[in-house]
């Protein structure tokens, strides 16, 4: 007997344990408005932010942190902001995609489609991506507050509980 999306969502956990990572060479907790927005949205939705980190866009720093969150018993979701562009310094996409065991291509596609409605063809410059690292959900988004708001309000928060439910099965 098949279940409906509404039934899946009803079985999803209500409260998630989240890690937030900002990828930046210059931000501090005080100046990290994008990461601050992610935290605010998560807390307003009733989720726990168990870790918040700011790291440079360097694979050798990013990879061990993501592995640690992947293996942590108290982390369901890792949300990353920043580093998703195409400049020579942006390496987040390459690092993250090398660690994803099950890609969620629809996440990036949906984010860019919605972003196109706000910023037109410049949306193609975003390499927002996501998937599972084993059973831990990992989603990236650009670092601007507008991009964070779009991702959190229209893509992540409406489905994240359901995504975690499916990842645990």
N, C-alpha and C. Protein backbone atom coordinates (compact mmCIF):
# COMPACT_ATOMS: atom_id res chain seq x y z
N UNK A 1 0.85 -1.17 0.00
CA UNK A 1 0.00 0.00 0.00
C UNK A 1 0.90 1.24 0.00
N UNK A 2 0.68 2.14 -0.93
CA UNK A 2 1.52 3.33 -1.02
C UNK A 2 0.99 4.42 -0.09
N UNK A 3 1.90 5.27 0.29
CA UNK A 3 1.52 6.39 1.16
C UNK A 3 1.62 7.68 0.38
N UNK A 4 0.92 8.68 0.84
CA UNK A 4 0.92 9.97 0.17
C UNK A 4 2.02 10.85 0.75
N UNK A 5 2.40 11.92 0.06
CA UNK A 5 3.37 12.86 0.64
C UNK A 5 2.92 13.41 2.00
N UNK A 6 1.63 13.63 2.15
CA UNK A 6 1.12 14.14 3.43
C UNK A 6 1.34 13.12 4.54
N UNK A 7 1.16 11.83 4.23
CA UNK A 7 1.40 10.80 5.23
C UNK A 7 2.88 10.70 5.57
N UNK A 8 3.74 10.84 4.57
CA UNK A 8 5.19 10.84 4.83
C UNK A 8 5.54 11.98 5.77
N UNK A 9 5.02 13.16 5.48
CA UNK A 9 5.33 14.33 6.31
C UNK A 9 4.80 14.15 7.72
N UNK A 10 3.65 13.49 7.86
CA UNK A 10 3.09 13.26 9.19
C UNK A 10 4.00 12.36 10.03
N UNK A 11 4.73 11.46 9.37
CA UNK A 11 5.65 10.56 10.06
C UNK A 11 7.03 11.17 10.28
N UNK A 12 7.27 12.35 9.76
CA UNK A 12 8.59 12.98 9.85
C UNK A 12 8.83 13.52 11.26
N UNK A 13 10.09 13.58 11.66
CA UNK A 13 10.39 14.15 12.98
C UNK A 13 10.01 15.62 13.03
N UNK A 14 9.53 16.07 14.18
CA UNK A 14 9.12 17.47 14.34
C UNK A 14 10.30 18.40 14.55
N UNK A 15 11.29 17.93 15.27
CA UNK A 15 12.43 18.77 15.65
C UNK A 15 13.71 18.13 15.14
N UNK A 16 14.48 18.92 14.38
CA UNK A 16 15.72 18.42 13.81
C UNK A 16 16.91 19.05 14.52
N UNK A 17 18.03 18.34 14.48
CA UNK A 17 19.29 18.82 15.04
C UNK A 17 20.17 19.23 13.87
N UNK A 18 20.50 20.52 13.83
CA UNK A 18 21.13 21.10 12.64
C UNK A 18 22.49 21.70 12.95
N UNK A 19 23.40 21.56 12.00
CA UNK A 19 24.69 22.25 12.02
C UNK A 19 24.66 23.28 10.90
N UNK A 20 25.16 24.46 11.19
CA UNK A 20 25.20 25.55 10.21
C UNK A 20 26.66 25.92 9.97
N UNK A 21 27.05 25.90 8.71
CA UNK A 21 28.42 26.26 8.34
C UNK A 21 28.37 27.43 7.38
N UNK A 22 29.12 28.47 7.68
CA UNK A 22 29.31 29.59 6.77
C UNK A 22 30.70 29.44 6.15
N UNK A 23 30.76 29.50 4.84
CA UNK A 23 32.02 29.41 4.12
C UNK A 23 32.44 30.83 3.77
N UNK A 24 33.50 31.31 4.42
CA UNK A 24 33.95 32.68 4.22
C UNK A 24 35.36 32.86 4.76
N UNK A 25 36.12 33.70 4.08
CA UNK A 25 37.46 34.05 4.55
C UNK A 25 37.43 35.28 5.44
N UNK A 26 36.31 36.01 5.45
CA UNK A 26 36.29 37.30 6.13
C UNK A 26 35.23 37.42 7.23
N UNK A 27 34.21 36.59 7.23
CA UNK A 27 33.12 36.74 8.19
C UNK A 27 33.51 36.29 9.59
N UNK A 28 32.86 36.92 10.55
CA UNK A 28 32.91 36.49 11.95
C UNK A 28 31.47 36.21 12.36
N UNK A 29 31.26 35.66 13.53
CA UNK A 29 29.89 35.42 13.99
C UNK A 29 29.10 36.73 13.97
N UNK A 30 29.75 37.83 14.33
CA UNK A 30 29.06 39.13 14.37
C UNK A 30 28.70 39.66 12.99
N UNK A 31 29.50 39.36 11.98
CA UNK A 31 29.25 39.91 10.64
C UNK A 31 28.64 38.89 9.67
N UNK A 32 28.39 37.70 10.14
CA UNK A 32 27.86 36.63 9.29
C UNK A 32 26.33 36.72 9.22
N UNK A 33 25.84 37.62 8.36
CA UNK A 33 24.40 37.82 8.27
C UNK A 33 23.69 36.63 7.61
N UNK A 34 24.32 36.00 6.62
CA UNK A 34 23.71 34.85 5.97
C UNK A 34 23.56 33.68 6.93
N UNK A 35 24.63 33.33 7.62
CA UNK A 35 24.57 32.24 8.60
C UNK A 35 23.61 32.57 9.74
N UNK A 36 23.59 33.84 10.13
CA UNK A 36 22.65 34.27 11.17
C UNK A 36 21.21 34.07 10.74
N UNK A 37 20.94 34.32 9.47
CA UNK A 37 19.58 34.12 8.94
C UNK A 37 19.21 32.63 8.96
N UNK A 38 20.16 31.77 8.58
CA UNK A 38 19.88 30.33 8.62
C UNK A 38 19.52 29.92 10.04
N UNK A 39 20.30 30.36 11.01
CA UNK A 39 20.04 30.03 12.41
C UNK A 39 18.67 30.55 12.83
N UNK A 40 18.36 31.77 12.49
CA UNK A 40 17.07 32.37 12.86
C UNK A 40 15.91 31.56 12.29
N UNK A 41 15.98 31.24 11.01
CA UNK A 41 14.92 30.46 10.38
C UNK A 41 14.76 29.10 11.05
N UNK A 42 15.86 28.43 11.33
CA UNK A 42 15.79 27.11 11.97
C UNK A 42 15.17 27.20 13.35
N UNK A 43 15.62 28.16 14.14
CA UNK A 43 15.09 28.29 15.50
C UNK A 43 13.62 28.68 15.49
N UNK A 44 13.23 29.57 14.59
CA UNK A 44 11.81 29.94 14.50
C UNK A 44 10.94 28.76 14.09
N UNK A 45 11.51 27.82 13.35
CA UNK A 45 10.77 26.62 12.93
C UNK A 45 10.79 25.54 14.02
N UNK A 46 11.48 25.80 15.12
CA UNK A 46 11.50 24.86 16.24
C UNK A 46 12.62 23.85 16.21
N UNK A 47 13.59 24.04 15.34
CA UNK A 47 14.72 23.11 15.25
C UNK A 47 15.85 23.56 16.17
N UNK A 48 16.73 22.64 16.51
CA UNK A 48 17.90 22.93 17.33
C UNK A 48 19.11 23.16 16.45
N UNK A 49 19.85 24.22 16.71
CA UNK A 49 21.13 24.46 16.05
C UNK A 49 22.18 23.97 17.04
N UNK A 50 22.77 22.81 16.73
CA UNK A 50 23.71 22.19 17.66
C UNK A 50 25.14 22.66 17.44
N UNK A 51 25.43 23.18 16.25
CA UNK A 51 26.76 23.71 15.94
C UNK A 51 26.64 24.82 14.91
N UNK A 52 27.50 25.81 15.04
CA UNK A 52 27.62 26.86 14.03
C UNK A 52 29.10 27.15 13.85
N UNK A 53 29.56 27.02 12.62
CA UNK A 53 30.98 27.21 12.31
C UNK A 53 31.15 28.16 11.13
N UNK A 54 32.26 28.87 11.13
CA UNK A 54 32.68 29.66 9.98
C UNK A 54 34.04 29.14 9.57
N UNK A 55 34.14 28.73 8.29
CA UNK A 55 35.40 28.17 7.81
C UNK A 55 35.73 28.79 6.45
N UNK A 56 37.02 28.85 6.12
CA UNK A 56 37.40 29.33 4.78
C UNK A 56 37.04 28.29 3.71
N UNK A 57 36.96 28.72 2.48
CA UNK A 57 36.61 27.84 1.36
C UNK A 57 37.85 27.06 0.96
N UNK A 58 38.24 26.14 1.82
CA UNK A 58 39.41 25.30 1.61
C UNK A 58 39.01 23.85 1.84
N UNK A 59 39.11 23.03 0.82
CA UNK A 59 38.71 21.63 0.95
C UNK A 59 39.35 20.91 2.14
N UNK A 60 40.61 21.19 2.42
CA UNK A 60 41.29 20.51 3.52
C UNK A 60 40.72 20.88 4.89
N UNK A 61 40.04 22.00 4.98
CA UNK A 61 39.36 22.39 6.23
C UNK A 61 37.90 21.92 6.22
N UNK A 62 37.29 21.97 5.05
CA UNK A 62 35.87 21.65 4.92
C UNK A 62 35.61 20.15 5.07
N UNK A 63 36.40 19.34 4.42
CA UNK A 63 36.17 17.89 4.37
C UNK A 63 36.15 17.26 5.77
N UNK A 64 37.13 17.50 6.64
CA UNK A 64 37.08 16.87 7.98
C UNK A 64 35.89 17.35 8.81
N UNK A 65 35.51 18.61 8.66
CA UNK A 65 34.35 19.11 9.40
C UNK A 65 33.07 18.41 8.93
N UNK A 66 32.91 18.28 7.62
CA UNK A 66 31.73 17.59 7.09
C UNK A 66 31.73 16.12 7.50
N UNK A 67 32.87 15.48 7.50
CA UNK A 67 32.95 14.09 7.96
C UNK A 67 32.55 13.98 9.42
N UNK A 68 32.98 14.92 10.23
CA UNK A 68 32.64 14.92 11.65
C UNK A 68 31.13 15.07 11.83
N UNK A 69 30.51 16.01 11.11
CA UNK A 69 29.06 16.17 11.20
C UNK A 69 28.33 14.94 10.66
N UNK A 70 28.83 14.37 9.59
CA UNK A 70 28.21 13.16 9.02
C UNK A 70 28.16 12.04 10.05
N UNK A 71 29.22 11.91 10.83
CA UNK A 71 29.33 10.81 11.79
C UNK A 71 28.76 11.15 13.17
N UNK A 72 28.41 12.40 13.41
CA UNK A 72 27.90 12.81 14.73
C UNK A 72 26.50 12.24 14.95
N UNK A 73 26.27 11.74 16.13
CA UNK A 73 24.96 11.18 16.48
C UNK A 73 23.90 12.27 16.66
N UNK A 74 24.35 13.50 16.93
CA UNK A 74 23.38 14.58 17.24
C UNK A 74 23.19 15.57 16.10
N UNK A 75 23.50 15.17 14.85
CA UNK A 75 23.31 16.06 13.69
C UNK A 75 22.49 15.33 12.63
N UNK A 76 21.33 15.89 12.30
CA UNK A 76 20.47 15.36 11.25
C UNK A 76 20.72 16.06 9.92
N UNK A 77 21.01 17.36 10.00
CA UNK A 77 21.09 18.22 8.82
C UNK A 77 22.30 19.14 8.94
N UNK A 78 23.02 19.31 7.83
CA UNK A 78 24.07 20.31 7.73
C UNK A 78 23.65 21.30 6.65
N UNK A 79 23.55 22.57 7.03
CA UNK A 79 23.22 23.63 6.08
C UNK A 79 24.44 24.52 5.93
N UNK A 80 24.85 24.73 4.68
CA UNK A 80 26.03 25.55 4.40
C UNK A 80 25.61 26.77 3.60
N UNK A 81 26.21 27.90 3.92
CA UNK A 81 25.96 29.13 3.18
C UNK A 81 27.29 29.72 2.75
N UNK A 82 27.34 30.17 1.49
CA UNK A 82 28.56 30.75 0.95
C UNK A 82 29.37 29.74 0.15
N UNK A 83 30.22 30.26 -0.71
CA UNK A 83 31.14 29.42 -1.47
C UNK A 83 30.54 28.71 -2.66
N UNK A 84 29.33 29.06 -3.07
CA UNK A 84 28.65 28.32 -4.13
C UNK A 84 28.79 28.95 -5.52
N UNK A 85 29.56 30.00 -5.61
CA UNK A 85 29.71 30.69 -6.90
C UNK A 85 30.73 30.04 -7.79
N UNK A 86 31.20 30.82 -8.78
CA UNK A 86 32.14 30.27 -9.77
C UNK A 86 33.50 30.95 -9.76
N UNK A 87 33.76 31.79 -8.76
CA UNK A 87 35.07 32.45 -8.73
C UNK A 87 36.15 31.41 -8.44
N UNK A 88 37.38 31.80 -8.67
CA UNK A 88 38.49 30.86 -8.47
C UNK A 88 38.57 30.41 -7.01
N UNK A 89 38.09 31.19 -6.10
CA UNK A 89 38.14 30.85 -4.67
C UNK A 89 37.03 29.87 -4.26
N UNK A 90 35.94 29.82 -5.01
CA UNK A 90 34.79 28.99 -4.65
C UNK A 90 35.06 27.51 -4.94
N UNK A 91 35.22 26.73 -3.86
CA UNK A 91 35.49 25.30 -3.98
C UNK A 91 34.48 24.45 -3.23
N UNK A 92 33.46 25.09 -2.70
CA UNK A 92 32.47 24.38 -1.90
C UNK A 92 31.76 23.31 -2.72
N UNK A 93 31.32 23.64 -3.92
CA UNK A 93 30.59 22.68 -4.75
C UNK A 93 31.41 21.41 -4.97
N UNK A 94 32.65 21.58 -5.37
CA UNK A 94 33.50 20.41 -5.64
C UNK A 94 33.72 19.57 -4.38
N UNK A 95 33.93 20.24 -3.27
CA UNK A 95 34.17 19.51 -2.01
C UNK A 95 32.92 18.77 -1.57
N UNK A 96 31.79 19.47 -1.57
CA UNK A 96 30.54 18.87 -1.11
C UNK A 96 30.11 17.72 -2.02
N UNK A 97 30.15 17.93 -3.33
CA UNK A 97 29.69 16.86 -4.22
C UNK A 97 30.56 15.61 -4.14
N UNK A 98 31.83 15.78 -3.77
CA UNK A 98 32.69 14.61 -3.61
C UNK A 98 32.32 13.80 -2.37
N UNK A 99 31.58 14.39 -1.46
CA UNK A 99 31.22 13.73 -0.21
C UNK A 99 29.78 13.21 -0.20
N UNK A 100 29.00 13.60 -1.17
CA UNK A 100 27.59 13.20 -1.20
C UNK A 100 27.48 11.77 -1.71
N UNK A 101 26.77 10.94 -0.95
CA UNK A 101 26.56 9.55 -1.35
C UNK A 101 25.25 9.38 -2.12
N UNK A 102 24.29 10.27 -1.91
CA UNK A 102 23.03 10.27 -2.67
C UNK A 102 22.69 11.71 -3.00
N UNK A 103 22.88 12.11 -4.24
CA UNK A 103 22.59 13.51 -4.62
C UNK A 103 21.08 13.77 -4.65
N UNK A 104 20.74 15.00 -4.37
CA UNK A 104 19.37 15.51 -4.52
C UNK A 104 19.40 16.61 -5.57
N UNK A 105 19.49 16.27 -6.85
CA UNK A 105 19.63 17.29 -7.89
C UNK A 105 18.46 18.27 -7.90
N UNK A 106 17.29 17.82 -7.49
CA UNK A 106 16.11 18.70 -7.48
C UNK A 106 16.27 19.89 -6.56
N UNK A 107 17.06 19.75 -5.50
CA UNK A 107 17.26 20.88 -4.59
C UNK A 107 17.89 22.05 -5.32
N UNK A 108 19.02 21.85 -5.96
CA UNK A 108 19.69 22.93 -6.68
C UNK A 108 18.85 23.45 -7.84
N UNK A 109 18.20 22.52 -8.54
CA UNK A 109 17.35 22.92 -9.67
C UNK A 109 16.22 23.82 -9.20
N UNK A 110 15.56 23.42 -8.12
CA UNK A 110 14.45 24.21 -7.59
C UNK A 110 14.93 25.56 -7.08
N UNK A 111 16.06 25.57 -6.37
CA UNK A 111 16.60 26.84 -5.88
C UNK A 111 16.88 27.78 -7.05
N UNK A 112 17.52 27.29 -8.10
CA UNK A 112 17.85 28.16 -9.24
C UNK A 112 16.59 28.62 -9.98
N UNK A 113 15.59 27.76 -10.09
CA UNK A 113 14.34 28.15 -10.73
C UNK A 113 13.68 29.31 -9.97
N UNK A 114 13.61 29.17 -8.65
CA UNK A 114 13.00 30.23 -7.84
C UNK A 114 13.88 31.49 -7.86
N UNK A 115 15.18 31.29 -7.84
CA UNK A 115 16.10 32.42 -7.87
C UNK A 115 15.99 33.18 -9.19
N UNK A 116 15.77 32.46 -10.27
CA UNK A 116 15.60 33.08 -11.58
C UNK A 116 14.46 34.10 -11.56
N UNK A 117 13.40 33.80 -10.84
CA UNK A 117 12.26 34.70 -10.73
C UNK A 117 12.63 36.01 -10.03
N UNK A 118 13.68 35.98 -9.21
CA UNK A 118 14.11 37.17 -8.48
C UNK A 118 15.28 37.90 -9.14
N UNK A 119 16.25 37.12 -9.70
CA UNK A 119 17.46 37.77 -10.21
C UNK A 119 17.73 37.48 -11.68
N UNK A 120 16.79 36.87 -12.36
CA UNK A 120 16.89 36.59 -13.78
C UNK A 120 18.01 35.59 -14.06
N UNK A 121 18.64 35.71 -15.22
CA UNK A 121 19.61 34.71 -15.67
C UNK A 121 20.84 34.59 -14.78
N UNK A 122 21.10 35.56 -13.92
CA UNK A 122 22.23 35.45 -12.99
C UNK A 122 22.08 34.25 -12.06
N UNK A 123 20.88 33.69 -11.98
CA UNK A 123 20.66 32.50 -11.15
C UNK A 123 21.55 31.34 -11.59
N UNK A 124 21.95 31.30 -12.86
CA UNK A 124 22.79 30.20 -13.34
C UNK A 124 24.17 30.20 -12.69
N UNK A 125 24.57 31.31 -12.06
CA UNK A 125 25.88 31.38 -11.41
C UNK A 125 25.92 30.65 -10.07
N UNK A 126 24.76 30.31 -9.54
CA UNK A 126 24.71 29.60 -8.26
C UNK A 126 24.92 28.11 -8.48
N UNK A 127 25.79 27.55 -7.66
CA UNK A 127 26.00 26.10 -7.69
C UNK A 127 25.48 25.48 -6.39
N UNK A 128 24.33 25.98 -5.93
CA UNK A 128 23.69 25.39 -4.76
C UNK A 128 23.45 23.91 -5.06
N UNK A 129 23.79 23.07 -4.10
CA UNK A 129 23.67 21.63 -4.30
C UNK A 129 23.30 20.97 -2.99
N UNK A 130 22.94 19.72 -3.07
CA UNK A 130 22.60 19.02 -1.84
C UNK A 130 22.47 17.53 -2.06
N UNK A 131 22.35 16.84 -0.95
CA UNK A 131 22.18 15.41 -0.97
C UNK A 131 22.40 14.83 0.40
N UNK A 132 22.69 13.55 0.42
CA UNK A 132 22.95 12.86 1.68
C UNK A 132 24.42 12.48 1.75
N UNK A 133 24.98 12.66 2.93
CA UNK A 133 26.26 12.07 3.28
C UNK A 133 25.86 10.89 4.18
N UNK A 134 25.79 9.71 3.58
CA UNK A 134 25.23 8.54 4.25
C UNK A 134 23.78 8.86 4.64
N UNK A 135 23.49 9.12 5.93
CA UNK A 135 22.12 9.42 6.35
C UNK A 135 21.96 10.86 6.84
N UNK A 136 22.99 11.66 6.67
CA UNK A 136 22.95 13.06 7.09
C UNK A 136 22.66 13.94 5.89
N UNK A 137 21.66 14.80 6.00
CA UNK A 137 21.28 15.70 4.91
C UNK A 137 22.28 16.86 4.87
N UNK A 138 22.73 17.21 3.67
CA UNK A 138 23.67 18.31 3.45
C UNK A 138 23.14 19.17 2.31
N UNK A 139 22.88 20.44 2.60
CA UNK A 139 22.39 21.38 1.58
C UNK A 139 23.24 22.64 1.62
N UNK A 140 23.59 23.15 0.43
CA UNK A 140 24.35 24.40 0.35
C UNK A 140 23.49 25.48 -0.28
N UNK A 141 23.83 26.72 0.01
CA UNK A 141 23.13 27.86 -0.57
C UNK A 141 24.10 29.03 -0.63
N UNK A 142 23.84 30.00 -1.50
CA UNK A 142 24.69 31.19 -1.53
C UNK A 142 24.67 31.91 -0.18
N UNK A 143 25.60 32.83 -0.01
CA UNK A 143 25.75 33.50 1.28
C UNK A 143 24.93 34.75 1.48
N UNK A 144 24.33 35.29 0.44
CA UNK A 144 23.57 36.53 0.62
C UNK A 144 22.30 36.28 1.43
N UNK A 145 21.89 37.28 2.17
CA UNK A 145 20.67 37.14 2.98
C UNK A 145 19.46 36.85 2.11
N UNK A 146 19.38 37.47 0.93
CA UNK A 146 18.24 37.23 0.03
C UNK A 146 18.22 35.77 -0.43
N UNK A 147 19.38 35.22 -0.77
CA UNK A 147 19.45 33.82 -1.21
C UNK A 147 19.11 32.88 -0.06
N UNK A 148 19.60 33.19 1.12
CA UNK A 148 19.29 32.37 2.30
C UNK A 148 17.78 32.39 2.56
N UNK A 149 17.20 33.56 2.53
CA UNK A 149 15.76 33.68 2.77
C UNK A 149 14.99 32.84 1.74
N UNK A 150 15.33 32.97 0.47
CA UNK A 150 14.67 32.21 -0.57
C UNK A 150 14.80 30.71 -0.32
N UNK A 151 16.02 30.24 -0.08
CA UNK A 151 16.26 28.81 0.14
C UNK A 151 15.51 28.30 1.37
N UNK A 152 15.60 29.04 2.46
CA UNK A 152 14.99 28.57 3.70
C UNK A 152 13.47 28.59 3.63
N UNK A 153 12.90 29.69 3.15
CA UNK A 153 11.44 29.83 3.15
C UNK A 153 10.76 28.95 2.11
N UNK A 154 11.35 28.86 0.92
CA UNK A 154 10.63 28.23 -0.18
C UNK A 154 11.08 26.81 -0.51
N UNK A 155 12.26 26.43 -0.05
CA UNK A 155 12.75 25.10 -0.42
C UNK A 155 13.06 24.26 0.83
N UNK A 156 13.91 24.74 1.69
CA UNK A 156 14.41 23.90 2.79
C UNK A 156 13.35 23.65 3.87
N UNK A 157 12.84 24.70 4.50
CA UNK A 157 11.91 24.48 5.61
C UNK A 157 10.63 23.75 5.23
N UNK A 158 10.06 23.99 4.04
CA UNK A 158 8.85 23.24 3.71
C UNK A 158 9.07 21.71 3.59
N UNK A 159 10.30 21.26 3.35
CA UNK A 159 10.53 19.83 3.10
C UNK A 159 11.56 19.15 3.98
N UNK A 160 12.32 19.90 4.78
CA UNK A 160 13.47 19.31 5.45
C UNK A 160 13.09 18.17 6.39
N UNK A 161 12.00 18.27 7.11
CA UNK A 161 11.59 17.19 8.01
C UNK A 161 11.32 15.92 7.20
N UNK A 162 10.65 16.07 6.07
CA UNK A 162 10.34 14.95 5.20
C UNK A 162 11.63 14.34 4.62
N UNK A 163 12.57 15.20 4.23
CA UNK A 163 13.85 14.71 3.69
C UNK A 163 14.58 13.88 4.75
N UNK A 164 14.60 14.38 5.98
CA UNK A 164 15.27 13.63 7.06
C UNK A 164 14.56 12.29 7.29
N UNK A 165 13.25 12.29 7.28
CA UNK A 165 12.50 11.04 7.44
C UNK A 165 12.93 10.02 6.40
N UNK A 166 12.99 10.46 5.14
CA UNK A 166 13.37 9.56 4.06
C UNK A 166 14.83 9.11 4.19
N UNK A 167 15.70 9.99 4.63
CA UNK A 167 17.13 9.65 4.78
C UNK A 167 17.34 8.60 5.85
N UNK A 168 16.47 8.55 6.83
CA UNK A 168 16.60 7.60 7.94
C UNK A 168 16.05 6.22 7.61
N UNK A 169 15.31 6.11 6.54
CA UNK A 169 14.67 4.82 6.21
C UNK A 169 15.64 3.83 5.61
